[in-house]
């Protein structure tokens, strides 16, 4: 699994540039949104051209030197929030497809332009309109692929499911692609609708599990095994969700091995939480450094980060001196000069350390293997509970009661989806039924497409 940090603004001063460099050295990738390119009421005469110039400068100066990958978010979130409305869709699609084609050598991956919902304009939220406009967006995108086939390899097809009836719409959209044989062009898949979903809907389980199985099923049915199974989870950041990702990564690898398919499983996720949590908790920012196997070291605040690690993260000497001054300000409870965001590379290190730790634990404690050895659900639940008893005694600050409860709920869902894959794989109607069943557990989200 791999974190793709979201960049919410482009560097315009030395401190932020230093910070961005420290992030890129660790992550090797970042995600930037096209939202600024859609500012139709902007004082900038051509916001798309201005955005492209700015982004190319960023790529040349701060991404390419680290052989980094630039991910482009379509900016559809601006439509969901109501910044843009139905009358803007045509121009939005035009701008997106212009960037899709013209900047094809600038980005490594780009996400489909989807418009699943609009908070400010409820008249848009009908099944007919959502299907029509998203069908239009996909049709225009695939027209670009006809002209430049290599773009299809960079294109993430986003699934939506959060609102009632959304899954059915996206299932229909995908079925239309299958009918035309265009589904074979999709080598990257993504799941949206998960920003803030745990807090908003008061759920503990990882909401993406059934859709990941659906995407894996689509990958197998497309049978283009010159490409890896690649899936990206939009807006995921919680530790227990990432523990589940580590389980699914190994589980799907085993599925491919058993099927004799020699491709890899590539699961990525993006988040801006690394930055938000840094700003909100800068003076109490705890973190982790993974040293291999079960060795993971915790620091309680930035003032206790080992000097060796600081130098490893902040490799620019000038930047290192600035960070040392900022840490001293935290220790003296003073205002942090240049702002708390400069500590965000430490949080990136924590994300990466925990991800590596989770991957090791899942493999060492055989969290994926138990789906093949425990055929009865209560036996599996018992084994999982026993594993977590051991882990909690070793790392109680990571494996909290809430963490364990969340993973246990998710494992119950994986168990049912695994049973479908093993015993009912030919029954795609059951797959859709299970997806809808678990989607309906998001009961707090009563909004639906009419």
Protein backbone atom coordinates (compact mmCIF):
# COMPACT_ATOMS: atom_id res chain seq x y z
CA UNK A 1 0.00 0.00 0.00
CA UNK A 2 1.12 3.53 -0.61
CA UNK A 3 0.05 6.98 0.57
CA UNK A 4 -0.32 9.65 -2.10
CA UNK A 5 -0.23 12.98 -0.21
CA UNK A 6 -2.77 15.58 -1.32
CA UNK A 7 -1.27 18.98 -2.07
CA UNK A 8 -3.83 21.71 -1.39
CA UNK A 9 -1.77 24.59 -2.75
CA UNK A 10 1.33 25.09 -4.81
CA UNK A 11 4.60 26.25 -3.19
CA UNK A 12 5.02 30.04 -3.26
CA UNK A 13 7.65 30.59 -0.57
CA UNK A 14 10.91 28.99 0.55
CA UNK A 15 9.51 27.33 3.68
CA UNK A 16 6.67 25.66 1.83
CA UNK A 17 9.06 24.66 -0.95
CA UNK A 18 11.41 23.07 1.58
CA UNK A 19 8.45 21.28 3.14
CA UNK A 20 7.21 20.02 -0.22
CA UNK A 21 10.68 18.70 -1.04
CA UNK A 22 10.80 16.81 2.26
CA UNK A 23 7.41 15.28 1.47
CA UNK A 24 8.37 14.28 -2.08
CA UNK A 25 11.61 12.62 -0.93
CA UNK A 26 9.54 10.30 1.25
CA UNK A 27 6.41 9.72 -0.81
CA UNK A 28 7.67 9.92 -4.38
CA UNK A 29 4.20 11.10 -5.43
CA UNK A 30 1.55 13.72 -4.79
CA UNK A 31 -2.02 14.44 -5.81
CA UNK A 32 -3.13 17.85 -7.05
CA UNK A 33 -6.69 18.87 -7.95
CA UNK A 34 -7.92 20.57 -11.11
CA UNK A 35 -10.30 22.67 -9.01
CA UNK A 36 -8.35 25.89 -9.66
CA UNK A 37 -8.66 25.30 -13.40
CA UNK A 38 -12.47 25.47 -13.11
CA UNK A 39 -12.66 28.90 -11.42
CA UNK A 40 -15.08 30.27 -13.99
CA UNK A 41 -15.57 33.57 -12.15
CA UNK A 42 -11.87 34.07 -11.55
CA UNK A 43 -10.14 37.34 -12.39
CA UNK A 44 -7.64 35.21 -14.32
CA UNK A 45 -8.60 35.32 -18.00
CA UNK A 46 -7.70 31.68 -18.65
CA UNK A 47 -7.51 29.74 -15.35
CA UNK A 48 -6.77 26.44 -17.12
CA UNK A 49 -3.69 27.80 -18.90
CA UNK A 50 -2.53 29.52 -15.71
CA UNK A 51 -2.96 26.26 -13.79
CA UNK A 52 -1.04 24.24 -16.38
CA UNK A 53 1.89 26.68 -16.36
CA UNK A 54 2.02 26.62 -12.57
CA UNK A 55 1.78 22.82 -12.38
CA UNK A 56 4.46 22.29 -15.00
CA UNK A 57 6.79 24.52 -13.02
CA UNK A 58 6.01 22.51 -9.87
CA UNK A 59 6.67 19.25 -11.69
CA UNK A 60 9.95 20.42 -13.18
CA UNK A 61 11.35 21.90 -9.97
CA UNK A 62 9.96 19.72 -7.18
CA UNK A 63 8.60 16.43 -8.57
CA UNK A 64 10.88 15.37 -11.42
CA UNK A 65 14.10 15.77 -9.37
CA UNK A 66 12.83 12.97 -7.10
CA UNK A 67 11.48 10.82 -9.97
CA UNK A 68 8.06 11.48 -8.48
CA UNK A 69 4.61 10.73 -9.86
CA UNK A 70 1.99 13.44 -10.29
CA UNK A 71 -1.60 12.29 -9.70
CA UNK A 72 -4.35 14.61 -10.94
CA UNK A 73 -7.73 14.74 -9.24
CA UNK A 74 -10.47 15.75 -11.67
CA UNK A 75 -11.79 18.49 -9.38
CA UNK A 76 -15.25 16.93 -9.29
CA UNK A 77 -15.37 17.66 -5.56
CA UNK A 78 -15.97 21.33 -6.41
CA UNK A 79 -19.17 20.23 -8.11
CA UNK A 80 -20.22 18.07 -5.15
CA UNK A 81 -19.73 21.03 -2.78
CA UNK A 82 -21.84 23.24 -5.05
CA UNK A 83 -19.08 25.60 -6.17
CA UNK A 84 -20.19 24.66 -9.69
CA UNK A 85 -23.70 23.70 -10.76
CA UNK A 86 -25.51 21.91 -13.56
CA UNK A 87 -25.11 24.85 -15.94
CA UNK A 88 -21.32 24.60 -15.59
CA UNK A 89 -21.03 20.90 -16.46
CA UNK A 90 -20.46 21.35 -20.18
CA UNK A 91 -17.57 23.76 -19.70
CA UNK A 92 -16.23 21.61 -16.87
CA UNK A 93 -16.10 18.54 -19.14
CA UNK A 94 -14.52 20.61 -21.92
CA UNK A 95 -11.78 21.85 -19.58
CA UNK A 96 -11.18 18.41 -18.11
CA UNK A 97 -10.85 16.75 -21.52
CA UNK A 98 -8.60 19.57 -22.72
CA UNK A 99 -6.27 18.92 -19.77
CA UNK A 100 -6.60 15.12 -20.19
CA UNK A 101 -5.28 15.43 -23.75
CA UNK A 102 -3.00 18.48 -23.70
CA UNK A 103 -1.17 17.67 -20.44
CA UNK A 104 -0.92 13.93 -21.11
CA UNK A 105 2.87 14.00 -20.70
CA UNK A 106 2.69 15.96 -17.43
CA UNK A 107 0.77 13.57 -15.18
CA UNK A 108 1.36 9.93 -14.25
CA UNK A 109 -2.26 9.23 -13.33
CA UNK A 110 -5.55 11.11 -13.62
CA UNK A 111 -8.95 10.38 -12.07
CA UNK A 112 -12.21 10.33 -14.02
CA UNK A 113 -14.40 13.42 -13.85
CA UNK A 114 -17.42 12.29 -11.87
CA UNK A 115 -20.37 14.35 -10.64
CA UNK A 116 -22.26 12.05 -8.25
CA UNK A 117 -24.10 14.65 -6.16
CA UNK A 118 -24.51 18.39 -5.62
CA UNK A 119 -25.06 19.72 -2.10
CA UNK A 120 -26.21 23.20 -3.13
CA UNK A 121 -28.42 22.29 -6.11
CA UNK A 122 -30.79 19.43 -5.12
CA UNK A 123 -32.57 19.55 -8.48
CA UNK A 124 -29.48 17.90 -9.95
CA UNK A 125 -29.77 14.90 -7.64
CA UNK A 126 -31.94 12.62 -9.75
CA UNK A 127 -30.95 9.21 -11.10
CA UNK A 128 -31.60 10.39 -14.65
CA UNK A 129 -29.42 13.51 -14.44
CA UNK A 130 -26.56 11.85 -12.59
CA UNK A 131 -26.48 9.02 -15.11
CA UNK A 132 -26.75 11.36 -18.11
CA UNK A 133 -23.98 13.78 -17.13
CA UNK A 134 -21.55 11.11 -15.95
CA UNK A 135 -22.22 9.11 -19.12
CA UNK A 136 -21.39 12.26 -21.09
CA UNK A 137 -18.16 12.77 -19.13
CA UNK A 138 -17.04 9.18 -19.72
CA UNK A 139 -17.96 9.29 -23.40
CA UNK A 140 -15.86 12.42 -23.93
CA UNK A 141 -12.94 10.90 -21.99
CA UNK A 142 -12.97 7.70 -24.05
CA UNK A 143 -13.02 9.79 -27.21
CA UNK A 144 -9.68 11.23 -26.07
CA UNK A 145 -8.40 7.66 -25.55
CA UNK A 146 -9.20 6.88 -29.19
CA UNK A 147 -6.85 9.67 -30.21
CA UNK A 148 -4.15 8.92 -27.61
CA UNK A 149 -4.52 5.28 -26.40
CA UNK A 150 -1.69 5.61 -23.87
CA UNK A 151 -3.81 7.98 -21.75
CA UNK A 152 -6.14 5.08 -20.90
CA UNK A 153 -3.31 3.45 -18.94
CA UNK A 154 -3.19 6.54 -16.71
CA UNK A 155 -6.95 6.86 -16.20
CA UNK A 156 -8.60 5.85 -12.91
CA UNK A 157 -12.26 4.93 -13.32
CA UNK A 158 -13.99 6.08 -10.11
CA UNK A 159 -16.84 4.11 -8.56
CA UNK A 160 -19.41 5.92 -6.39
CA UNK A 161 -21.63 4.25 -3.79
CA UNK A 162 -22.15 6.51 -0.76
CA UNK A 163 -25.63 7.82 -1.59
CA UNK A 164 -28.49 5.44 -2.12
CA UNK A 165 -28.87 4.48 -5.80
CA UNK A 166 -25.36 5.67 -6.73
CA UNK A 167 -23.95 2.15 -6.98
CA UNK A 168 -26.73 1.14 -9.37
CA UNK A 169 -25.96 4.14 -11.59
CA UNK A 170 -22.23 3.41 -11.71
CA UNK A 171 -22.95 -0.27 -12.32
CA UNK A 172 -25.03 0.79 -15.34
CA UNK A 173 -22.28 3.13 -16.55
CA UNK A 174 -19.73 0.34 -16.33
CA UNK A 175 -22.09 -2.12 -18.04
CA UNK A 176 -22.37 0.30 -20.96
CA UNK A 177 -18.59 0.25 -21.28
CA UNK A 178 -18.61 -3.57 -21.19
CA UNK A 179 -21.18 -3.71 -23.99
CA UNK A 180 -18.83 -1.67 -26.20
CA UNK A 181 -15.71 -3.56 -25.10
CA UNK A 182 -14.30 -0.36 -23.62
CA UNK A 183 -13.91 -1.85 -20.14
CA UNK A 184 -10.74 -3.53 -21.36
CA UNK A 185 -9.15 -0.08 -21.62
CA UNK A 186 -9.57 0.46 -17.87
CA UNK A 187 -6.43 -0.61 -16.05
CA UNK A 188 -6.82 1.63 -12.99
CA UNK A 189 -9.83 1.59 -10.69
CA UNK A 190 -10.81 3.83 -7.81
CA UNK A 191 -13.48 4.16 -5.12
CA UNK A 192 -14.81 7.59 -4.14
CA UNK A 193 -17.27 9.00 -1.63
CA UNK A 194 -15.17 8.24 1.44
CA UNK A 195 -13.97 11.66 2.59
CA UNK A 196 -15.08 12.00 6.22
CA UNK A 197 -17.36 8.97 5.94
CA UNK A 198 -16.54 7.40 9.32
CA UNK A 199 -17.34 10.52 11.33
CA UNK A 200 -20.31 11.59 9.21
CA UNK A 201 -22.05 8.21 9.27
CA UNK A 202 -20.74 6.88 12.59
CA UNK A 203 -19.44 3.61 11.14
CA UNK A 204 -16.46 1.53 12.21
CA UNK A 205 -15.98 -0.92 9.33
CA UNK A 206 -13.95 -0.08 6.22
CA UNK A 207 -16.68 0.97 3.74
CA UNK A 208 -14.65 0.18 0.63
CA UNK A 209 -14.38 -3.60 1.08
CA UNK A 210 -17.30 -4.79 -1.13
CA UNK A 211 -16.39 -2.37 -3.94
CA UNK A 212 -12.75 -3.52 -3.90
CA UNK A 213 -14.01 -7.07 -4.49
CA UNK A 214 -16.19 -5.73 -7.29
CA UNK A 215 -13.19 -4.01 -8.88
CA UNK A 216 -11.13 -7.18 -8.58
CA UNK A 217 -13.95 -9.10 -10.27
CA UNK A 218 -13.98 -6.53 -13.09
CA UNK A 219 -10.20 -6.91 -13.45
CA UNK A 220 -10.52 -10.68 -13.81
CA UNK A 221 -13.41 -10.41 -16.27
CA UNK A 222 -11.54 -7.88 -18.44
CA UNK A 223 -8.68 -10.44 -18.55
CA UNK A 224 -6.00 -7.94 -19.54
CA UNK A 225 -3.25 -9.57 -17.51
CA UNK A 226 -0.45 -7.53 -18.99
CA UNK A 227 -1.54 -4.90 -16.43
CA UNK A 228 -1.41 -5.13 -12.63
CA UNK A 229 -4.54 -4.96 -10.51
CA UNK A 230 -4.34 -1.31 -9.51
CA UNK A 231 -6.87 0.37 -7.23
CA UNK A 232 -6.90 3.72 -5.44
CA UNK A 233 -9.02 4.59 -2.39
CA UNK A 234 -9.93 8.27 -2.31
CA UNK A 235 -9.95 10.07 1.04
CA UNK A 236 -8.84 7.16 3.27
CA UNK A 237 -6.48 7.82 6.18
CA UNK A 238 -7.55 6.07 9.41
CA UNK A 239 -5.18 3.45 10.78
CA UNK A 240 -7.70 0.65 10.97
CA UNK A 241 -8.74 1.22 7.34
CA UNK A 242 -5.11 0.94 6.31
CA UNK A 243 -4.72 -2.26 8.31
CA UNK A 244 -7.63 -3.63 6.27
CA UNK A 245 -5.89 -2.51 3.06
CA UNK A 246 -2.84 -4.55 4.11
CA UNK A 247 -5.09 -7.61 4.56
CA UNK A 248 -6.79 -7.14 1.18
CA UNK A 249 -3.47 -6.65 -0.59
CA UNK A 250 -2.20 -10.04 0.54
CA UNK A 251 -5.60 -11.71 0.02
CA UNK A 252 -5.82 -10.59 -3.61
CA UNK A 253 -2.21 -11.61 -4.22
CA UNK A 254 -3.18 -15.10 -3.07
CA UNK A 255 -6.21 -15.08 -5.38
CA UNK A 256 -3.98 -14.19 -8.35
CA UNK A 257 -1.42 -16.85 -7.42
CA UNK A 258 -4.12 -19.53 -7.16
CA UNK A 259 -5.48 -18.46 -10.56
CA UNK A 260 -2.01 -18.66 -12.09
CA UNK A 261 -2.00 -14.94 -12.94
CA UNK A 262 1.48 -13.43 -12.61
CA UNK A 263 0.50 -9.80 -11.99
CA UNK A 264 0.84 -7.59 -8.93
CA UNK A 265 -1.66 -5.96 -6.59
CA UNK A 266 -1.13 -2.19 -6.27
CA UNK A 267 -3.31 -0.41 -3.69
CA UNK A 268 -2.85 3.30 -3.08
CA UNK A 269 -4.78 5.83 -1.02
CA UNK A 270 -4.69 9.60 -0.71
CA UNK A 271 -5.26 11.99 2.13
CA UNK A 272 -4.65 15.54 3.27
CA UNK A 273 -5.00 14.43 6.90
CA UNK A 274 -1.22 14.36 7.29
CA UNK A 275 -1.31 18.16 6.90
CA UNK A 276 -4.57 18.93 8.74
CA UNK A 277 -3.65 16.88 11.81
CA UNK A 278 -0.20 18.50 11.87
CA UNK A 279 -1.69 22.00 11.89
CA UNK A 280 -4.30 21.13 14.53
CA UNK A 281 -1.90 19.23 16.83
CA UNK A 282 1.48 20.77 16.08
CA UNK A 283 2.51 21.13 19.73
CA UNK A 284 1.33 17.63 20.66
CA UNK A 285 2.17 15.86 17.40
CA UNK A 286 3.06 12.27 18.27
CA UNK A 287 4.49 9.94 15.65
CA UNK A 288 6.25 6.70 14.78
CA UNK A 289 9.44 5.42 13.24
CA UNK A 290 9.40 1.85 11.92
CA UNK A 291 12.69 0.01 12.41
CA UNK A 292 11.75 -3.36 10.91
CA UNK A 293 9.79 -6.46 11.98
CA UNK A 294 7.80 -5.63 15.14
CA UNK A 295 10.04 -2.72 16.12
CA UNK A 296 8.21 0.56 15.91
CA UNK A 297 9.29 3.53 18.02
CA UNK A 298 6.87 6.23 19.17
CA UNK A 299 7.73 9.85 19.87
CA UNK A 300 5.33 11.92 21.99
CA UNK A 301 5.84 15.35 20.39
CA UNK A 302 8.17 17.04 17.92
CA UNK A 303 10.60 17.92 20.70
CA UNK A 304 11.34 14.23 21.25
CA UNK A 305 12.01 13.25 17.62
CA UNK A 306 15.53 11.74 17.44
CA UNK A 307 18.11 13.99 15.80
CA UNK A 308 19.10 11.20 13.40
CA UNK A 309 15.53 10.95 12.14
CA UNK A 310 15.17 14.71 11.77
CA UNK A 311 18.26 14.79 9.57
CA UNK A 312 16.93 11.86 7.58
CA UNK A 313 13.66 13.72 6.85
CA UNK A 314 14.92 17.31 6.55
CA UNK A 315 17.96 16.75 4.35
CA UNK A 316 18.36 20.36 3.21
CA UNK A 317 20.80 21.96 5.74
CA UNK A 318 19.04 25.33 5.61
CA UNK A 319 15.69 23.67 6.15
CA UNK A 320 17.07 21.56 9.01
CA UNK A 321 18.22 24.69 10.87
CA UNK A 322 14.77 26.24 10.43
CA UNK A 323 13.09 23.11 11.79
CA UNK A 324 15.39 23.03 14.82
CA UNK A 325 14.36 26.64 15.57
CA UNK A 326 10.67 25.71 15.16
CA UNK A 327 11.05 22.74 17.53
CA UNK A 328 12.69 25.04 20.07
CA UNK A 329 9.67 27.36 19.80
CA UNK A 330 7.37 24.39 20.53
CA UNK A 331 9.43 23.44 23.58
CA UNK A 332 9.19 27.00 24.89
CA UNK A 333 5.47 27.12 24.08
CA UNK A 334 5.98 30.03 21.69
CA UNK A 335 4.22 30.79 18.44
CA UNK A 336 5.75 28.69 15.65
CA UNK A 337 7.46 30.99 13.21
CA UNK A 338 6.66 30.08 9.58
CA UNK A 339 3.66 28.02 10.74
CA UNK A 340 3.10 24.43 11.91
CA UNK A 341 2.71 22.95 8.40
CA UNK A 342 6.51 22.64 8.21
CA UNK A 343 6.19 19.64 10.59
CA UNK A 344 3.99 17.74 8.07
CA UNK A 345 6.92 15.72 6.65
CA UNK A 346 7.17 14.15 10.13
CA UNK A 347 3.55 13.07 9.78
CA UNK A 348 4.26 11.63 6.33
CA UNK A 349 7.01 9.58 7.97
CA UNK A 350 4.50 8.37 10.58
CA UNK A 351 1.99 7.33 7.89
CA UNK A 352 4.68 5.42 5.99
CA UNK A 353 6.06 3.82 9.17
CA UNK A 354 2.65 2.59 10.28
CA UNK A 355 1.84 1.27 6.80
CA UNK A 356 5.06 -0.76 6.73
CA UNK A 357 4.38 -1.97 10.26
CA UNK A 358 0.81 -3.00 9.37
CA UNK A 359 2.05 -4.86 6.29
CA UNK A 360 4.56 -6.77 8.40
CA UNK A 361 2.02 -7.59 11.14
CA UNK A 362 -0.63 -8.76 8.65
CA UNK A 363 1.88 -11.06 7.00
CA UNK A 364 3.61 -12.30 10.17
CA UNK A 365 0.36 -12.96 12.05
CA UNK A 366 -1.30 -14.43 8.95
CA UNK A 367 -4.36 -12.17 8.97
CA UNK A 368 -5.04 -13.00 5.30
CA UNK A 369 -4.28 -16.72 5.58
CA UNK A 370 -7.06 -17.32 8.10
CA UNK A 371 -9.69 -16.82 5.41
CA UNK A 372 -8.41 -20.01 3.79
CA UNK A 373 -7.96 -22.01 7.02
CA UNK A 374 -11.06 -20.94 8.97
CA UNK A 375 -14.21 -21.89 7.10
CA UNK A 376 -16.53 -21.09 10.02
CA UNK A 377 -17.06 -17.45 10.93
CA UNK A 378 -17.02 -17.82 14.72
CA UNK A 379 -13.75 -19.77 14.50
CA UNK A 380 -12.23 -17.00 12.40
CA UNK A 381 -13.49 -14.37 14.86
CA UNK A 382 -11.89 -16.31 17.73
CA UNK A 383 -8.54 -16.52 15.93
CA UNK A 384 -8.59 -12.81 15.11
CA UNK A 385 -9.39 -11.95 18.71
CA UNK A 386 -6.48 -14.09 19.95
CA UNK A 387 -4.07 -12.40 17.55
CA UNK A 388 -5.14 -8.96 18.73
CA UNK A 389 -4.72 -9.94 22.39
CA UNK A 390 -1.05 -10.59 21.66
CA UNK A 391 -0.65 -7.42 19.60
CA UNK A 392 -2.40 -5.21 22.12
CA UNK A 393 -0.02 -6.35 24.84
CA UNK A 394 2.89 -5.31 22.63
CA UNK A 395 1.56 -2.03 21.16
CA UNK A 396 -1.49 -0.83 23.08
CA UNK A 397 -1.10 2.72 21.77
CA UNK A 398 -1.62 1.44 18.20
CA UNK A 399 -3.97 -1.48 18.75
CA UNK A 400 -6.57 0.33 20.81
CA UNK A 401 -9.97 -1.19 21.61
CA UNK A 402 -11.57 1.00 18.94
CA UNK A 403 -8.95 -0.02 16.36
CA UNK A 404 -9.52 -3.71 17.08
CA UNK A 405 -13.31 -3.42 17.03
CA UNK A 406 -13.17 -1.65 13.67
CA UNK A 407 -10.87 -4.24 12.10
CA UNK A 408 -13.00 -7.08 13.50
CA UNK A 409 -16.13 -5.62 11.87
CA UNK A 410 -14.24 -5.27 8.61
CA UNK A 411 -12.96 -8.84 8.79
CA UNK A 412 -16.55 -10.08 9.10
CA UNK A 413 -17.32 -8.34 5.80
CA UNK A 414 -14.16 -9.69 4.15
CA UNK A 415 -15.15 -13.19 5.31
CA UNK A 416 -18.51 -12.91 3.53
CA UNK A 417 -16.98 -11.45 0.38
CA UNK A 418 -14.27 -14.14 0.43
CA UNK A 419 -16.99 -16.78 0.68
CA UNK A 420 -18.66 -15.28 -2.38
CA UNK A 421 -15.37 -15.33 -4.29
CA UNK A 422 -14.59 -18.92 -3.35
CA UNK A 423 -18.04 -20.52 -3.50
CA UNK A 424 -20.34 -18.26 -5.52
CA UNK A 425 -18.04 -16.57 -8.00
CA UNK A 426 -20.27 -17.30 -11.00
CA UNK A 427 -23.20 -15.58 -9.26
CA UNK A 428 -22.66 -11.90 -10.08
CA UNK A 429 -26.19 -11.12 -8.94
CA UNK A 430 -25.11 -12.16 -5.43
CA UNK A 431 -22.10 -9.85 -5.68
CA UNK A 432 -24.36 -6.89 -6.44
CA UNK A 433 -26.69 -7.95 -3.64
CA UNK A 434 -23.83 -8.02 -1.13
CA UNK A 435 -22.57 -4.61 -2.24
CA UNK A 436 -26.03 -3.13 -1.77
CA UNK A 437 -26.43 -4.92 1.56
CA UNK A 438 -23.28 -3.38 3.02
CA UNK A 439 -23.98 -0.03 1.41
CA UNK A 440 -27.31 0.00 3.24
CA UNK A 441 -25.37 -0.19 6.51
CA UNK A 442 -24.54 3.47 5.86
CA UNK A 443 -27.99 4.19 7.29
CA UNK A 444 -27.12 7.64 8.60
CA UNK A 445 -26.78 8.84 5.01
CA UNK A 446 -30.47 8.97 4.18
CA UNK A 447 -29.99 11.18 1.11
CA UNK A 448 -30.78 9.40 -2.11
CA UNK A 449 -31.02 10.11 -5.80
CA UNK A 450 -34.70 10.45 -6.71
